[in-house]
mmCIF file of all heavy atoms, coordinates in Angstrom:
data_MODEL
# 
_entry.id   MODEL 
# 
loop_
_atom_site.group_PDB 
_atom_site.id 
_atom_site.type_symbol 
_atom_site.label_atom_id 
_atom_site.label_alt_id 
_atom_site.label_comp_id 
_atom_site.label_asym_id 
_atom_site.label_entity_id 
_atom_site.label_seq_id 
_atom_site.pdbx_PDB_ins_code 
_atom_site.Cartn_x 
_atom_site.Cartn_y 
_atom_site.Cartn_z 
_atom_site.occupancy 
_atom_site.B_iso_or_equiv 
_atom_site.pdbx_formal_charge 
_atom_site.auth_seq_id 
_atom_site.auth_comp_id 
_atom_site.auth_asym_id 
_atom_site.auth_atom_id 
_atom_site.pdbx_PDB_model_num 
ATOM 1   N N   . VAL A 1 1  ? 50.548 -35.592 -41.304 1.00 0.00 ? 1  VAL A N   1 
ATOM 2   C CA  . VAL A 1 1  ? 49.337 -36.425 -41.175 1.00 0.00 ? 1  VAL A CA  1 
ATOM 3   C C   . VAL A 1 1  ? 48.342 -36.059 -42.275 1.00 0.00 ? 1  VAL A C   1 
ATOM 4   O O   . VAL A 1 1  ? 47.778 -36.933 -42.852 1.00 0.00 ? 1  VAL A O   1 
ATOM 5   C CB  . VAL A 1 1  ? 48.707 -36.269 -39.794 1.00 0.00 ? 1  VAL A CB  1 
ATOM 6   C CG1 . VAL A 1 1  ? 47.366 -36.829 -39.674 1.00 0.00 ? 1  VAL A CG1 1 
ATOM 7   C CG2 . VAL A 1 1  ? 49.574 -36.895 -38.729 1.00 0.00 ? 1  VAL A CG2 1 
ATOM 8   N N   . GLN A 1 2  ? 48.249 -34.764 -42.586 1.00 0.00 ? 2  GLN A N   1 
ATOM 9   C CA  . GLN A 1 2  ? 47.251 -34.335 -43.567 1.00 0.00 ? 2  GLN A CA  1 
ATOM 10  C C   . GLN A 1 2  ? 47.629 -34.847 -44.898 1.00 0.00 ? 2  GLN A C   1 
ATOM 11  O O   . GLN A 1 2  ? 46.769 -35.087 -45.862 1.00 0.00 ? 2  GLN A O   1 
ATOM 12  C CB  . GLN A 1 2  ? 47.014 -32.832 -43.570 1.00 0.00 ? 2  GLN A CB  1 
ATOM 13  C CG  . GLN A 1 2  ? 46.345 -32.351 -42.293 1.00 0.00 ? 2  GLN A CG  1 
ATOM 14  C CD  . GLN A 1 2  ? 46.389 -30.801 -42.124 1.00 0.00 ? 2  GLN A CD  1 
ATOM 15  O OE1 . GLN A 1 2  ? 46.850 -30.107 -43.097 1.00 0.00 ? 2  GLN A OE1 1 
ATOM 16  N NE2 . GLN A 1 2  ? 45.980 -30.284 -41.133 1.00 0.00 ? 2  GLN A NE2 1 
ATOM 17  N N   . ASP A 1 3  ? 48.929 -35.029 -45.199 1.00 0.00 ? 3  ASP A N   1 
ATOM 18  C CA  . ASP A 1 3  ? 49.453 -35.384 -46.460 1.00 0.00 ? 3  ASP A CA  1 
ATOM 19  C C   . ASP A 1 3  ? 49.392 -36.962 -46.634 1.00 0.00 ? 3  ASP A C   1 
ATOM 20  O O   . ASP A 1 3  ? 49.228 -37.409 -47.667 1.00 0.00 ? 3  ASP A O   1 
ATOM 21  C CB  . ASP A 1 3  ? 50.864 -35.014 -46.621 1.00 0.00 ? 3  ASP A CB  1 
ATOM 22  C CG  . ASP A 1 3  ? 51.012 -33.528 -46.910 1.00 0.00 ? 3  ASP A CG  1 
ATOM 23  O OD1 . ASP A 1 3  ? 50.016 -32.919 -47.316 1.00 0.00 ? 3  ASP A OD1 1 
ATOM 24  O OD2 . ASP A 1 3  ? 52.074 -32.979 -46.649 1.00 0.00 ? 3  ASP A OD2 1 
ATOM 25  N N   . ASP A 1 4  ? 49.414 -37.704 -45.496 1.00 0.00 ? 4  ASP A N   1 
ATOM 26  C CA  . ASP A 1 4  ? 49.588 -39.093 -45.659 1.00 0.00 ? 4  ASP A CA  1 
ATOM 27  C C   . ASP A 1 4  ? 48.766 -40.053 -44.809 1.00 0.00 ? 4  ASP A C   1 
ATOM 28  O O   . ASP A 1 4  ? 49.049 -41.265 -44.632 1.00 0.00 ? 4  ASP A O   1 
ATOM 29  C CB  . ASP A 1 4  ? 51.079 -39.425 -45.233 1.00 0.00 ? 4  ASP A CB  1 
ATOM 30  C CG  . ASP A 1 4  ? 51.800 -40.492 -46.191 1.00 0.00 ? 4  ASP A CG  1 
ATOM 31  O OD1 . ASP A 1 4  ? 51.207 -40.798 -47.245 1.00 0.00 ? 4  ASP A OD1 1 
ATOM 32  O OD2 . ASP A 1 4  ? 52.757 -40.987 -45.778 1.00 0.00 ? 4  ASP A OD2 1 
ATOM 33  N N   . TYR A 1 5  ? 47.644 -39.554 -44.292 1.00 0.00 ? 5  TYR A N   1 
ATOM 34  C CA  . TYR A 1 5  ? 46.809 -40.325 -43.410 1.00 0.00 ? 5  TYR A CA  1 
ATOM 35  C C   . TYR A 1 5  ? 46.128 -41.452 -44.143 1.00 0.00 ? 5  TYR A C   1 
ATOM 36  O O   . TYR A 1 5  ? 45.689 -42.383 -43.488 1.00 0.00 ? 5  TYR A O   1 
ATOM 37  C CB  . TYR A 1 5  ? 45.755 -39.425 -42.675 1.00 0.00 ? 5  TYR A CB  1 
ATOM 38  C CG  . TYR A 1 5  ? 44.720 -38.847 -43.585 1.00 0.00 ? 5  TYR A CG  1 
ATOM 39  C CD1 . TYR A 1 5  ? 43.547 -39.467 -43.866 1.00 0.00 ? 5  TYR A CD1 1 
ATOM 40  C CD2 . TYR A 1 5  ? 44.928 -37.557 -44.209 1.00 0.00 ? 5  TYR A CD2 1 
ATOM 41  C CE1 . TYR A 1 5  ? 42.579 -38.868 -44.718 1.00 0.00 ? 5  TYR A CE1 1 
ATOM 42  C CE2 . TYR A 1 5  ? 44.023 -36.990 -45.028 1.00 0.00 ? 5  TYR A CE2 1 
ATOM 43  C CZ  . TYR A 1 5  ? 42.830 -37.671 -45.291 1.00 0.00 ? 5  TYR A CZ  1 
ATOM 44  O OH  . TYR A 1 5  ? 41.863 -37.126 -46.219 1.00 0.00 ? 5  TYR A OH  1 
ATOM 45  N N   . HIS A 1 6  ? 46.048 -41.377 -45.450 1.00 0.00 ? 6  HIS A N   1 
ATOM 46  C CA  . HIS A 1 6  ? 45.419 -42.546 -46.160 1.00 0.00 ? 6  HIS A CA  1 
ATOM 47  C C   . HIS A 1 6  ? 46.266 -43.792 -45.958 1.00 0.00 ? 6  HIS A C   1 
ATOM 48  O O   . HIS A 1 6  ? 45.697 -44.903 -45.709 1.00 0.00 ? 6  HIS A O   1 
ATOM 49  C CB  . HIS A 1 6  ? 45.346 -42.276 -47.632 1.00 0.00 ? 6  HIS A CB  1 
ATOM 50  C CG  . HIS A 1 6  ? 44.341 -41.306 -48.017 1.00 0.00 ? 6  HIS A CG  1 
ATOM 51  N ND1 . HIS A 1 6  ? 44.485 -39.978 -48.093 1.00 0.00 ? 6  HIS A ND1 1 
ATOM 52  C CD2 . HIS A 1 6  ? 42.921 -41.467 -48.269 1.00 0.00 ? 6  HIS A CD2 1 
ATOM 53  C CE1 . HIS A 1 6  ? 43.412 -39.367 -48.402 1.00 0.00 ? 6  HIS A CE1 1 
ATOM 54  N NE2 . HIS A 1 6  ? 42.488 -40.254 -48.591 1.00 0.00 ? 6  HIS A NE2 1 
ATOM 55  N N   . ARG A 1 7  ? 47.566 -43.672 -46.162 1.00 0.00 ? 7  ARG A N   1 
ATOM 56  C CA  . ARG A 1 7  ? 48.394 -44.837 -46.160 1.00 0.00 ? 7  ARG A CA  1 
ATOM 57  C C   . ARG A 1 7  ? 49.010 -45.210 -44.713 1.00 0.00 ? 7  ARG A C   1 
ATOM 58  O O   . ARG A 1 7  ? 49.197 -46.311 -44.440 1.00 0.00 ? 7  ARG A O   1 
ATOM 59  C CB  . ARG A 1 7  ? 49.567 -44.658 -47.157 1.00 0.00 ? 7  ARG A CB  1 
ATOM 60  C CG  . ARG A 1 7  ? 49.165 -44.514 -48.527 1.00 0.00 ? 7  ARG A CG  1 
ATOM 61  C CD  . ARG A 1 7  ? 50.251 -44.330 -49.501 1.00 0.00 ? 7  ARG A CD  1 
ATOM 62  N NE  . ARG A 1 7  ? 51.055 -43.127 -49.071 1.00 0.00 ? 7  ARG A NE  1 
ATOM 63  C CZ  . ARG A 1 7  ? 52.316 -42.872 -49.504 1.00 0.00 ? 7  ARG A CZ  1 
ATOM 64  N NH1 . ARG A 1 7  ? 52.884 -43.809 -50.307 1.00 0.00 ? 7  ARG A NH1 1 
ATOM 65  N NH2 . ARG A 1 7  ? 52.953 -41.742 -49.211 1.00 0.00 ? 7  ARG A NH2 1 
ATOM 66  N N   . HIS A 1 8  ? 49.231 -44.198 -43.856 1.00 0.00 ? 8  HIS A N   1 
ATOM 67  C CA  . HIS A 1 8  ? 49.920 -44.449 -42.604 1.00 0.00 ? 8  HIS A CA  1 
ATOM 68  C C   . HIS A 1 8  ? 49.076 -43.993 -41.434 1.00 0.00 ? 8  HIS A C   1 
ATOM 69  O O   . HIS A 1 8  ? 48.772 -42.649 -41.451 1.00 0.00 ? 8  HIS A O   1 
ATOM 70  C CB  . HIS A 1 8  ? 51.264 -43.805 -42.670 1.00 0.00 ? 8  HIS A CB  1 
ATOM 71  C CG  . HIS A 1 8  ? 52.199 -44.444 -43.703 1.00 0.00 ? 8  HIS A CG  1 
ATOM 72  N ND1 . HIS A 1 8  ? 52.693 -45.683 -43.589 1.00 0.00 ? 8  HIS A ND1 1 
ATOM 73  C CD2 . HIS A 1 8  ? 52.604 -43.771 -44.868 1.00 0.00 ? 8  HIS A CD2 1 
ATOM 74  C CE1 . HIS A 1 8  ? 53.401 -45.825 -44.747 1.00 0.00 ? 8  HIS A CE1 1 
ATOM 75  N NE2 . HIS A 1 8  ? 53.424 -44.840 -45.560 1.00 0.00 ? 8  HIS A NE2 1 
ATOM 76  N N   . ARG A 1 9  ? 48.643 -44.828 -40.560 1.00 0.00 ? 9  ARG A N   1 
ATOM 77  C CA  . ARG A 1 9  ? 47.802 -44.417 -39.511 1.00 0.00 ? 9  ARG A CA  1 
ATOM 78  C C   . ARG A 1 9  ? 48.337 -44.715 -38.101 1.00 0.00 ? 9  ARG A C   1 
ATOM 79  O O   . ARG A 1 9  ? 47.604 -44.747 -37.142 1.00 0.00 ? 9  ARG A O   1 
ATOM 80  C CB  . ARG A 1 9  ? 46.375 -45.049 -39.599 1.00 0.00 ? 9  ARG A CB  1 
ATOM 81  C CG  . ARG A 1 9  ? 45.690 -44.718 -40.954 1.00 0.00 ? 9  ARG A CG  1 
ATOM 82  C CD  . ARG A 1 9  ? 44.429 -45.383 -41.073 1.00 0.00 ? 9  ARG A CD  1 
ATOM 83  N NE  . ARG A 1 9  ? 43.812 -45.041 -42.372 1.00 0.00 ? 9  ARG A NE  1 
ATOM 84  C CZ  . ARG A 1 9  ? 43.211 -45.891 -43.258 1.00 0.00 ? 9  ARG A CZ  1 
ATOM 85  N NH1 . ARG A 1 9  ? 43.082 -47.203 -42.913 1.00 0.00 ? 9  ARG A NH1 1 
ATOM 86  N NH2 . ARG A 1 9  ? 42.825 -45.462 -44.389 1.00 0.00 ? 9  ARG A NH2 1 
ATOM 87  N N   . SER A 1 10 ? 49.621 -44.749 -38.025 1.00 0.00 ? 10 SER A N   1 
ATOM 88  C CA  . SER A 1 10 ? 50.360 -45.002 -36.755 1.00 0.00 ? 10 SER A CA  1 
ATOM 89  C C   . SER A 1 10 ? 51.155 -43.839 -36.410 1.00 0.00 ? 10 SER A C   1 
ATOM 90  O O   . SER A 1 10 ? 51.758 -43.275 -37.287 1.00 0.00 ? 10 SER A O   1 
ATOM 91  C CB  . SER A 1 10 ? 51.195 -46.309 -36.829 1.00 0.00 ? 10 SER A CB  1 
ATOM 92  O OG  . SER A 1 10 ? 52.375 -46.063 -37.631 1.00 0.00 ? 10 SER A OG  1 
ATOM 93  N N   . VAL A 1 11 ? 51.182 -43.462 -35.142 1.00 0.00 ? 11 VAL A N   1 
ATOM 94  C CA  . VAL A 1 11 ? 51.989 -42.332 -34.671 1.00 0.00 ? 11 VAL A CA  1 
ATOM 95  C C   . VAL A 1 11 ? 53.441 -42.620 -34.866 1.00 0.00 ? 11 VAL A C   1 
ATOM 96  O O   . VAL A 1 11 ? 54.228 -41.708 -35.228 1.00 0.00 ? 11 VAL A O   1 
ATOM 97  C CB  . VAL A 1 11 ? 51.655 -42.038 -33.183 1.00 0.00 ? 11 VAL A CB  1 
ATOM 98  C CG1 . VAL A 1 11 ? 52.515 -40.952 -32.607 1.00 0.00 ? 11 VAL A CG1 1 
ATOM 99  C CG2 . VAL A 1 11 ? 50.221 -41.707 -32.975 1.00 0.00 ? 11 VAL A CG2 1 
ATOM 100 N N   . LYS A 1 12 ? 53.854 -43.901 -34.773 1.00 0.00 ? 12 LYS A N   1 
ATOM 101 C CA  . LYS A 1 12 ? 55.225 -44.241 -34.920 1.00 0.00 ? 12 LYS A CA  1 
ATOM 102 C C   . LYS A 1 12 ? 55.775 -43.887 -36.351 1.00 0.00 ? 12 LYS A C   1 
ATOM 103 O O   . LYS A 1 12 ? 56.959 -43.380 -36.417 1.00 0.00 ? 12 LYS A O   1 
ATOM 104 C CB  . LYS A 1 12 ? 55.402 -45.736 -34.710 1.00 0.00 ? 12 LYS A CB  1 
ATOM 105 C CG  . LYS A 1 12 ? 56.873 -46.270 -34.814 1.00 0.00 ? 12 LYS A CG  1 
ATOM 106 C CD  . LYS A 1 12 ? 56.955 -47.681 -34.592 1.00 0.00 ? 12 LYS A CD  1 
ATOM 107 C CE  . LYS A 1 12 ? 58.453 -48.090 -34.598 1.00 0.00 ? 12 LYS A CE  1 
ATOM 108 N NZ  . LYS A 1 12 ? 59.246 -47.704 -35.813 1.00 0.00 ? 12 LYS A NZ  1 
ATOM 109 N N   . HIS A 1 13 ? 54.991 -44.041 -37.253 1.00 0.00 ? 13 HIS A N   1 
ATOM 110 C CA  . HIS A 1 13 ? 55.415 -43.678 -38.718 1.00 0.00 ? 13 HIS A CA  1 
ATOM 111 C C   . HIS A 1 13 ? 55.810 -42.268 -38.791 1.00 0.00 ? 13 HIS A C   1 
ATOM 112 O O   . HIS A 1 13 ? 56.805 -41.857 -39.304 1.00 0.00 ? 13 HIS A O   1 
ATOM 113 C CB  . HIS A 1 13 ? 54.301 -43.939 -39.702 1.00 0.00 ? 13 HIS A CB  1 
ATOM 114 C CG  . HIS A 1 13 ? 54.553 -43.428 -41.047 1.00 0.00 ? 13 HIS A CG  1 
ATOM 115 N ND1 . HIS A 1 13 ? 55.378 -44.012 -42.002 1.00 0.00 ? 13 HIS A ND1 1 
ATOM 116 C CD2 . HIS A 1 13 ? 54.108 -42.235 -41.675 1.00 0.00 ? 13 HIS A CD2 1 
ATOM 117 C CE1 . HIS A 1 13 ? 55.382 -43.340 -43.095 1.00 0.00 ? 13 HIS A CE1 1 
ATOM 118 N NE2 . HIS A 1 13 ? 54.634 -42.265 -42.858 1.00 0.00 ? 13 HIS A NE2 1 
ATOM 119 N N   . TYR A 1 14 ? 54.992 -41.370 -38.150 1.00 0.00 ? 14 TYR A N   1 
ATOM 120 C CA  . TYR A 1 14 ? 55.264 -39.867 -38.296 1.00 0.00 ? 14 TYR A CA  1 
ATOM 121 C C   . TYR A 1 14 ? 56.427 -39.542 -37.322 1.00 0.00 ? 14 TYR A C   1 
ATOM 122 O O   . TYR A 1 14 ? 57.274 -38.623 -37.606 1.00 0.00 ? 14 TYR A O   1 
ATOM 123 C CB  . TYR A 1 14 ? 54.053 -39.149 -38.043 1.00 0.00 ? 14 TYR A CB  1 
ATOM 124 C CG  . TYR A 1 14 ? 52.953 -39.486 -38.928 1.00 0.00 ? 14 TYR A CG  1 
ATOM 125 C CD1 . TYR A 1 14 ? 51.881 -40.328 -38.643 1.00 0.00 ? 14 TYR A CD1 1 
ATOM 126 C CD2 . TYR A 1 14 ? 52.994 -38.938 -40.258 1.00 0.00 ? 14 TYR A CD2 1 
ATOM 127 C CE1 . TYR A 1 14 ? 50.918 -40.654 -39.559 1.00 0.00 ? 14 TYR A CE1 1 
ATOM 128 C CE2 . TYR A 1 14 ? 52.034 -39.184 -41.157 1.00 0.00 ? 14 TYR A CE2 1 
ATOM 129 C CZ  . TYR A 1 14 ? 50.908 -40.079 -40.889 1.00 0.00 ? 14 TYR A CZ  1 
ATOM 130 O OH  . TYR A 1 14 ? 50.014 -40.377 -41.751 1.00 0.00 ? 14 TYR A OH  1 
ATOM 131 N N   . ALA A 1 15 ? 56.557 -40.202 -36.169 1.00 0.00 ? 15 ALA A N   1 
ATOM 132 C CA  . ALA A 1 15 ? 57.588 -40.024 -35.207 1.00 0.00 ? 15 ALA A CA  1 
ATOM 133 C C   . ALA A 1 15 ? 58.976 -40.325 -35.914 1.00 0.00 ? 15 ALA A C   1 
ATOM 134 O O   . ALA A 1 15 ? 59.914 -39.546 -35.715 1.00 0.00 ? 15 ALA A O   1 
ATOM 135 C CB  . ALA A 1 15 ? 57.358 -40.824 -33.988 1.00 0.00 ? 15 ALA A CB  1 
ATOM 136 N N   . ASP A 1 16 ? 58.952 -41.455 -36.689 1.00 0.00 ? 16 ASP A N   1 
ATOM 137 C CA  . ASP A 1 16 ? 60.284 -41.792 -37.300 1.00 0.00 ? 16 ASP A CA  1 
ATOM 138 C C   . ASP A 1 16 ? 60.654 -40.729 -38.338 1.00 0.00 ? 16 ASP A C   1 
ATOM 139 O O   . ASP A 1 16 ? 61.824 -40.412 -38.540 1.00 0.00 ? 16 ASP A O   1 
ATOM 140 C CB  . ASP A 1 16 ? 60.097 -43.178 -38.028 1.00 0.00 ? 16 ASP A CB  1 
ATOM 141 C CG  . ASP A 1 16 ? 59.950 -44.293 -37.094 1.00 0.00 ? 16 ASP A CG  1 
ATOM 142 O OD1 . ASP A 1 16 ? 60.286 -44.108 -35.952 1.00 0.00 ? 16 ASP A OD1 1 
ATOM 143 O OD2 . ASP A 1 16 ? 59.387 -45.409 -37.565 1.00 0.00 ? 16 ASP A OD2 1 
ATOM 144 N N   . ILE A 1 17 ? 59.681 -40.238 -39.124 1.00 0.00 ? 17 ILE A N   1 
ATOM 145 C CA  . ILE A 1 17 ? 60.018 -39.238 -40.058 1.00 0.00 ? 17 ILE A CA  1 
ATOM 146 C C   . ILE A 1 17 ? 60.586 -37.977 -39.390 1.00 0.00 ? 17 ILE A C   1 
ATOM 147 O O   . ILE A 1 17 ? 61.462 -37.247 -39.926 1.00 0.00 ? 17 ILE A O   1 
ATOM 148 C CB  . ILE A 1 17 ? 58.782 -38.824 -40.883 1.00 0.00 ? 17 ILE A CB  1 
ATOM 149 C CG1 . ILE A 1 17 ? 58.321 -40.012 -41.797 1.00 0.00 ? 17 ILE A CG1 1 
ATOM 150 C CG2 . ILE A 1 17 ? 58.993 -37.575 -41.788 1.00 0.00 ? 17 ILE A CG2 1 
ATOM 151 C CD1 . ILE A 1 17 ? 57.051 -39.681 -42.553 1.00 0.00 ? 17 ILE A CD1 1 
ATOM 152 N N   . LEU A 1 18 ? 60.032 -37.616 -38.262 1.00 0.00 ? 18 LEU A N   1 
ATOM 153 C CA  . LEU A 1 18 ? 60.322 -36.424 -37.510 1.00 0.00 ? 18 LEU A CA  1 
ATOM 154 C C   . LEU A 1 18 ? 61.600 -36.638 -36.560 1.00 0.00 ? 18 LEU A C   1 
ATOM 155 O O   . LEU A 1 18 ? 61.950 -35.758 -35.887 1.00 0.00 ? 18 LEU A O   1 
ATOM 156 C CB  . LEU A 1 18 ? 59.144 -35.918 -36.585 1.00 0.00 ? 18 LEU A CB  1 
ATOM 157 C CG  . LEU A 1 18 ? 58.003 -35.423 -37.415 1.00 0.00 ? 18 LEU A CG  1 
ATOM 158 C CD1 . LEU A 1 18 ? 56.759 -35.269 -36.518 1.00 0.00 ? 18 LEU A CD1 1 
ATOM 159 C CD2 . LEU A 1 18 ? 58.278 -34.151 -38.154 1.00 0.00 ? 18 LEU A CD2 1 
ATOM 160 N N   . CYS A 1 19 ? 62.127 -37.895 -36.590 1.00 0.00 ? 19 CYS A N   1 
ATOM 161 C CA  . CYS A 1 19 ? 63.303 -38.235 -35.847 1.00 0.00 ? 19 CYS A CA  1 
ATOM 162 C C   . CYS A 1 19 ? 63.141 -37.980 -34.293 1.00 0.00 ? 19 CYS A C   1 
ATOM 163 O O   . CYS A 1 19 ? 64.061 -37.471 -33.626 1.00 0.00 ? 19 CYS A O   1 
ATOM 164 C CB  . CYS A 1 19 ? 64.530 -37.410 -36.309 1.00 0.00 ? 19 CYS A CB  1 
ATOM 165 S SG  . CYS A 1 19 ? 64.887 -37.658 -38.099 1.00 0.00 ? 19 CYS A SG  1 
ATOM 166 N N   . VAL A 1 20 ? 61.875 -38.445 -33.788 1.00 0.00 ? 20 VAL A N   1 
ATOM 167 C CA  . VAL A 1 20 ? 61.689 -38.379 -32.375 1.00 0.00 ? 20 VAL A CA  1 
ATOM 168 C C   . VAL A 1 20 ? 61.009 -39.752 -32.034 1.00 0.00 ? 20 VAL A C   1 
ATOM 169 O O   . VAL A 1 20 ? 60.542 -40.477 -32.926 1.00 0.00 ? 20 VAL A O   1 
ATOM 170 C CB  . VAL A 1 20 ? 60.784 -37.214 -31.974 1.00 0.00 ? 20 VAL A CB  1 
ATOM 171 C CG1 . VAL A 1 20 ? 61.461 -35.918 -32.201 1.00 0.00 ? 20 VAL A CG1 1 
ATOM 172 C CG2 . VAL A 1 20 ? 59.449 -37.244 -32.678 1.00 0.00 ? 20 VAL A CG2 1 
ATOM 173 N N   . THR A 1 21 ? 60.864 -39.996 -30.754 1.00 0.00 ? 21 THR A N   1 
ATOM 174 C CA  . THR A 1 21 ? 60.288 -41.220 -30.383 1.00 0.00 ? 21 THR A CA  1 
ATOM 175 C C   . THR A 1 21 ? 58.718 -41.043 -30.376 1.00 0.00 ? 21 THR A C   1 
ATOM 176 O O   . THR A 1 21 ? 58.294 -39.879 -30.121 1.00 0.00 ? 21 THR A O   1 
ATOM 177 C CB  . THR A 1 21 ? 60.696 -41.637 -28.910 1.00 0.00 ? 21 THR A CB  1 
ATOM 178 O OG1 . THR A 1 21 ? 60.216 -40.642 -27.987 1.00 0.00 ? 21 THR A OG1 1 
ATOM 179 C CG2 . THR A 1 21 ? 62.163 -41.780 -28.849 1.00 0.00 ? 21 THR A CG2 1 
ATOM 180 N N   . PRO A 1 22 ? 57.926 -42.111 -30.545 1.00 0.00 ? 22 PRO A N   1 
ATOM 181 C CA  . PRO A 1 22 ? 56.503 -41.968 -30.519 1.00 0.00 ? 22 PRO A CA  1 
ATOM 182 C C   . PRO A 1 22 ? 56.039 -41.399 -29.247 1.00 0.00 ? 22 PRO A C   1 
ATOM 183 O O   . PRO A 1 22 ? 55.019 -40.580 -29.144 1.00 0.00 ? 22 PRO A O   1 
ATOM 184 C CB  . PRO A 1 22 ? 55.985 -43.362 -30.715 1.00 0.00 ? 22 PRO A CB  1 
ATOM 185 C CG  . PRO A 1 22 ? 57.118 -44.087 -31.493 1.00 0.00 ? 22 PRO A CG  1 
ATOM 186 C CD  . PRO A 1 22 ? 58.283 -43.527 -30.898 1.00 0.00 ? 22 PRO A CD  1 
ATOM 187 N N   . LYS A 1 23 ? 56.613 -41.824 -28.161 1.00 0.00 ? 23 LYS A N   1 
ATOM 188 C CA  . LYS A 1 23 ? 56.343 -41.312 -26.743 1.00 0.00 ? 23 LYS A CA  1 
ATOM 189 C C   . LYS A 1 23 ? 56.493 -39.688 -26.673 1.00 0.00 ? 23 LYS A C   1 
ATOM 190 O O   . LYS A 1 23 ? 55.645 -39.018 -26.171 1.00 0.00 ? 23 LYS A O   1 
ATOM 191 C CB  . LYS A 1 23 ? 57.147 -41.966 -25.712 1.00 0.00 ? 23 LYS A CB  1 
ATOM 192 C CG  . LYS A 1 23 ? 56.728 -41.621 -24.229 1.00 0.00 ? 23 LYS A CG  1 
ATOM 193 C CD  . LYS A 1 23 ? 57.434 -42.324 -23.331 1.00 0.00 ? 23 LYS A CD  1 
ATOM 194 C CE  . LYS A 1 23 ? 57.173 -41.988 -21.853 1.00 0.00 ? 23 LYS A CE  1 
ATOM 195 N NZ  . LYS A 1 23 ? 57.968 -42.759 -20.858 1.00 0.00 ? 23 LYS A NZ  1 
ATOM 196 N N   . TYR A 1 24 ? 57.620 -39.242 -27.211 1.00 0.00 ? 24 TYR A N   1 
ATOM 197 C CA  . TYR A 1 24 ? 57.885 -37.844 -27.068 1.00 0.00 ? 24 TYR A CA  1 
ATOM 198 C C   . TYR A 1 24 ? 56.914 -37.124 -27.979 1.00 0.00 ? 24 TYR A C   1 
ATOM 199 O O   . TYR A 1 24 ? 56.383 -35.939 -27.592 1.00 0.00 ? 24 TYR A O   1 
ATOM 200 C CB  . TYR A 1 24 ? 59.364 -37.569 -27.547 1.00 0.00 ? 24 TYR A CB  1 
ATOM 201 C CG  . TYR A 1 24 ? 59.692 -36.022 -27.476 1.00 0.00 ? 24 TYR A CG  1 
ATOM 202 C CD1 . TYR A 1 24 ? 59.822 -35.340 -26.247 1.00 0.00 ? 24 TYR A CD1 1 
ATOM 203 C CD2 . TYR A 1 24 ? 59.763 -35.283 -28.657 1.00 0.00 ? 24 TYR A CD2 1 
ATOM 204 C CE1 . TYR A 1 24 ? 60.067 -33.987 -26.291 1.00 0.00 ? 24 TYR A CE1 1 
ATOM 205 C CE2 . TYR A 1 24 ? 60.069 -33.938 -28.696 1.00 0.00 ? 24 TYR A CE2 1 
ATOM 206 C CZ  . TYR A 1 24 ? 60.208 -33.335 -27.474 1.00 0.00 ? 24 TYR A CZ  1 
ATOM 207 O OH  . TYR A 1 24 ? 60.493 -31.960 -27.458 1.00 0.00 ? 24 TYR A OH  1 
ATOM 208 N N   . LEU A 1 25 ? 56.684 -37.573 -29.220 1.00 0.00 ? 25 LEU A N   1 
ATOM 209 C CA  . LEU A 1 25 ? 55.717 -36.937 -30.108 1.00 0.00 ? 25 LEU A CA  1 
ATOM 210 C C   . LEU A 1 25 ? 54.407 -36.903 -29.548 1.00 0.00 ? 25 LEU A C   1 
ATOM 211 O O   . LEU A 1 25 ? 53.717 -35.807 -29.556 1.00 0.00 ? 25 LEU A O   1 
ATOM 212 C CB  . LEU A 1 25 ? 55.702 -37.679 -31.485 1.00 0.00 ? 25 LEU A CB  1 
ATOM 213 C CG  . LEU A 1 25 ? 54.778 -37.115 -32.453 1.00 0.00 ? 25 LEU A CG  1 
ATOM 214 C CD1 . LEU A 1 25 ? 55.126 -35.662 -32.882 1.00 0.00 ? 25 LEU A CD1 1 
ATOM 215 C CD2 . LEU A 1 25 ? 54.816 -37.958 -33.792 1.00 0.00 ? 25 LEU A CD2 1 
ATOM 216 N N   . SER A 1 26 ? 53.901 -37.957 -28.909 1.00 0.00 ? 26 SER A N   1 
ATOM 217 C CA  . SER A 1 26 ? 52.643 -37.991 -28.298 1.00 0.00 ? 26 SER A CA  1 
ATOM 218 C C   . SER A 1 26 ? 52.489 -36.985 -27.199 1.00 0.00 ? 26 SER A C   1 
ATOM 219 O O   . SER A 1 26 ? 51.578 -36.332 -26.960 1.00 0.00 ? 26 SER A O   1 
ATOM 220 C CB  . SER A 1 26 ? 52.319 -39.450 -27.773 1.00 0.00 ? 26 SER A CB  1 
ATOM 221 O OG  . SER A 1 26 ? 52.272 -40.346 -28.855 1.00 0.00 ? 26 SER A OG  1 
ATOM 222 N N   . MET A 1 27 ? 53.511 -36.907 -26.376 1.00 0.00 ? 27 MET A N   1 
ATOM 223 C CA  . MET A 1 27 ? 53.611 -35.912 -25.337 1.00 0.00 ? 27 MET A CA  1 
ATOM 224 C C   . MET A 1 27 ? 53.427 -34.479 -25.767 1.00 0.00 ? 27 MET A C   1 
ATOM 225 O O   . MET A 1 27 ? 52.726 -33.749 -25.257 1.00 0.00 ? 27 MET A O   1 
ATOM 226 C CB  . MET A 1 27 ? 54.882 -36.112 -24.515 1.00 0.00 ? 27 MET A CB  1 
ATOM 227 C CG  . MET A 1 27 ? 55.047 -35.136 -23.274 1.00 0.00 ? 27 MET A CG  1 
ATOM 228 S SD  . MET A 1 27 ? 56.694 -35.251 -22.542 1.00 0.00 ? 27 MET A SD  1 
ATOM 229 C CE  . MET A 1 27 ? 57.674 -34.457 -23.765 1.00 0.00 ? 27 MET A CE  1 
# 
């Protein structure tokens, strides 16, 4: 998030990079 918050502001974007679901990452 600290590296890319300018361009990407959705949790889903980071969940995809981390290979987890947005729901699991949020939890």
